[in-house]
Protein backbone atom coordinates (compact mmCIF):
# COMPACT_ATOMS: atom_id res chain seq x y z
CA UNK A 1 -0.01 -0.16 -0.13
CA UNK A 2 1.16 3.57 -0.64
CA UNK A 3 1.63 6.27 1.84
CA UNK A 4 -2.30 7.70 1.19
CA UNK A 5 -4.10 8.78 4.56
CA UNK A 6 -7.31 6.82 4.86
CA UNK A 7 -10.64 8.84 6.28
CA UNK A 8 -11.89 7.20 9.46
CA UNK A 9 -15.38 6.53 9.68
CA UNK A 10 -17.78 8.94 11.22
CA UNK A 11 -18.68 8.72 15.03
CA UNK A 12 -21.74 7.80 16.35
CA UNK A 13 -21.99 11.53 18.29
CA UNK A 14 -21.38 12.93 14.82
CA UNK A 15 -24.05 11.20 13.11
CA UNK A 16 -26.33 11.58 15.80
CA UNK A 17 -25.51 15.44 16.10
CA UNK A 18 -26.15 15.73 12.42
CA UNK A 19 -29.29 13.89 12.42
CA UNK A 20 -30.69 16.26 14.93
CA UNK A 21 -29.75 19.04 12.96
CA UNK A 22 -31.71 17.87 10.12
CA UNK A 23 -34.68 17.13 12.60
CA UNK A 24 -34.64 20.54 14.14
CA UNK A 25 -34.73 22.13 10.52
CA UNK A 26 -37.58 19.95 9.43
CA UNK A 27 -39.41 20.62 12.39
CA UNK A 28 -38.58 24.61 11.82
CA UNK A 29 -39.78 24.02 8.31
CA UNK A 30 -43.09 22.34 9.57
CA UNK A 31 -43.67 25.23 12.13
CA UNK A 32 -43.48 27.60 9.46
CA UNK A 33 -45.66 26.06 7.13
CA UNK A 34 -48.10 25.64 10.26
CA UNK A 35 -47.96 29.53 11.12
CA UNK A 36 -48.30 30.41 7.34
CA UNK A 37 -51.12 28.54 6.92
CA UNK A 38 -52.98 30.39 9.96
CA UNK A 39 -51.91 33.64 8.82
CA UNK A 40 -55.11 35.07 6.98
CA UNK A 41 -56.46 38.63 6.38
CA UNK A 42 -55.68 41.74 7.98
CA UNK A 43 -54.83 41.65 12.14
CA UNK A 44 -55.06 45.34 13.91
CA UNK A 45 -51.83 45.91 15.93
CA UNK A 46 -52.35 45.53 19.50
CA UNK A 47 -51.49 48.96 20.65
CA UNK A 48 -50.71 51.32 17.36
CA UNK A 49 -54.17 52.37 16.04
CA UNK A 50 -52.68 52.99 12.54
CA UNK A 51 -50.67 49.87 12.45
CA UNK A 52 -51.81 46.47 11.32
CA UNK A 53 -50.65 42.83 9.89
CA UNK A 54 -51.39 41.92 6.46
CA UNK A 55 -50.98 38.33 5.53
CA UNK A 56 -49.77 37.64 2.13
CA UNK A 57 -49.25 34.46 0.89
CA UNK A 58 -49.54 32.91 4.25
CA UNK A 59 -46.80 35.32 5.24
CA UNK A 60 -47.42 38.21 8.08
CA UNK A 61 -46.27 41.53 6.76
CA UNK A 62 -46.26 44.46 8.94
CA UNK A 63 -48.09 47.53 7.49
CA UNK A 64 -48.66 51.34 8.44
CA UNK A 65 -51.38 53.03 7.24
CA UNK A 66 -50.58 56.57 5.24
CA UNK A 67 -50.47 59.89 7.59
CA UNK A 68 -53.76 60.70 8.78
CA UNK A 69 -55.65 57.45 8.56
CA UNK A 70 -56.29 54.58 11.18
CA UNK A 71 -56.94 50.90 10.33
CA UNK A 72 -60.20 49.44 10.65
CA UNK A 73 -60.48 45.55 11.16
CA UNK A 74 -63.83 45.77 9.36
CA UNK A 75 -63.30 47.53 6.33
CA UNK A 76 -63.78 45.96 3.27
CA UNK A 77 -61.25 46.65 0.59
CA UNK A 78 -58.80 49.49 1.54
CA UNK A 79 -58.06 48.83 5.25
CA UNK A 80 -57.18 52.49 6.02
CA UNK A 81 -60.05 54.88 7.19
CA UNK A 82 -60.25 58.44 8.55
CA UNK A 83 -59.75 58.30 12.44
CA UNK A 84 -63.55 59.41 13.02
CA UNK A 85 -64.57 56.36 11.26
CA UNK A 86 -62.82 53.76 13.32
CA UNK A 87 -63.16 52.95 17.53
CA UNK A 88 -59.34 52.89 18.63
CA UNK A 89 -60.44 51.96 22.09
CA UNK A 90 -57.56 49.72 23.53
CA UNK A 91 -54.87 50.74 20.94
CA UNK A 92 -54.62 54.60 21.27
CA UNK A 93 -51.07 54.65 19.86
CA UNK A 94 -50.59 56.42 16.51
CA UNK A 95 -47.30 57.20 15.01
CA UNK A 96 -45.64 60.42 15.45
CA UNK A 97 -44.24 62.04 12.09
């Protein structure tokens, strides 16, 4: 035999750690899929009246209404209305300009 180095077989602990990483990755992907499938429509920010989360293709996207408008969870179509048209009880904060 020539003097070529031989590669030793991986140890059980290396294989086990590798499998654990793959398992965690699969679990994370499943969790992400579950979260995306639960994200639908628009959800009001719990503190800020002009902010909301818009679920686009199952992905939550934070959004803020344009200056002078606030988010209305009951709105059909465009979600931002004038403040006098929306009850902001419990979420009084509005972004400062």
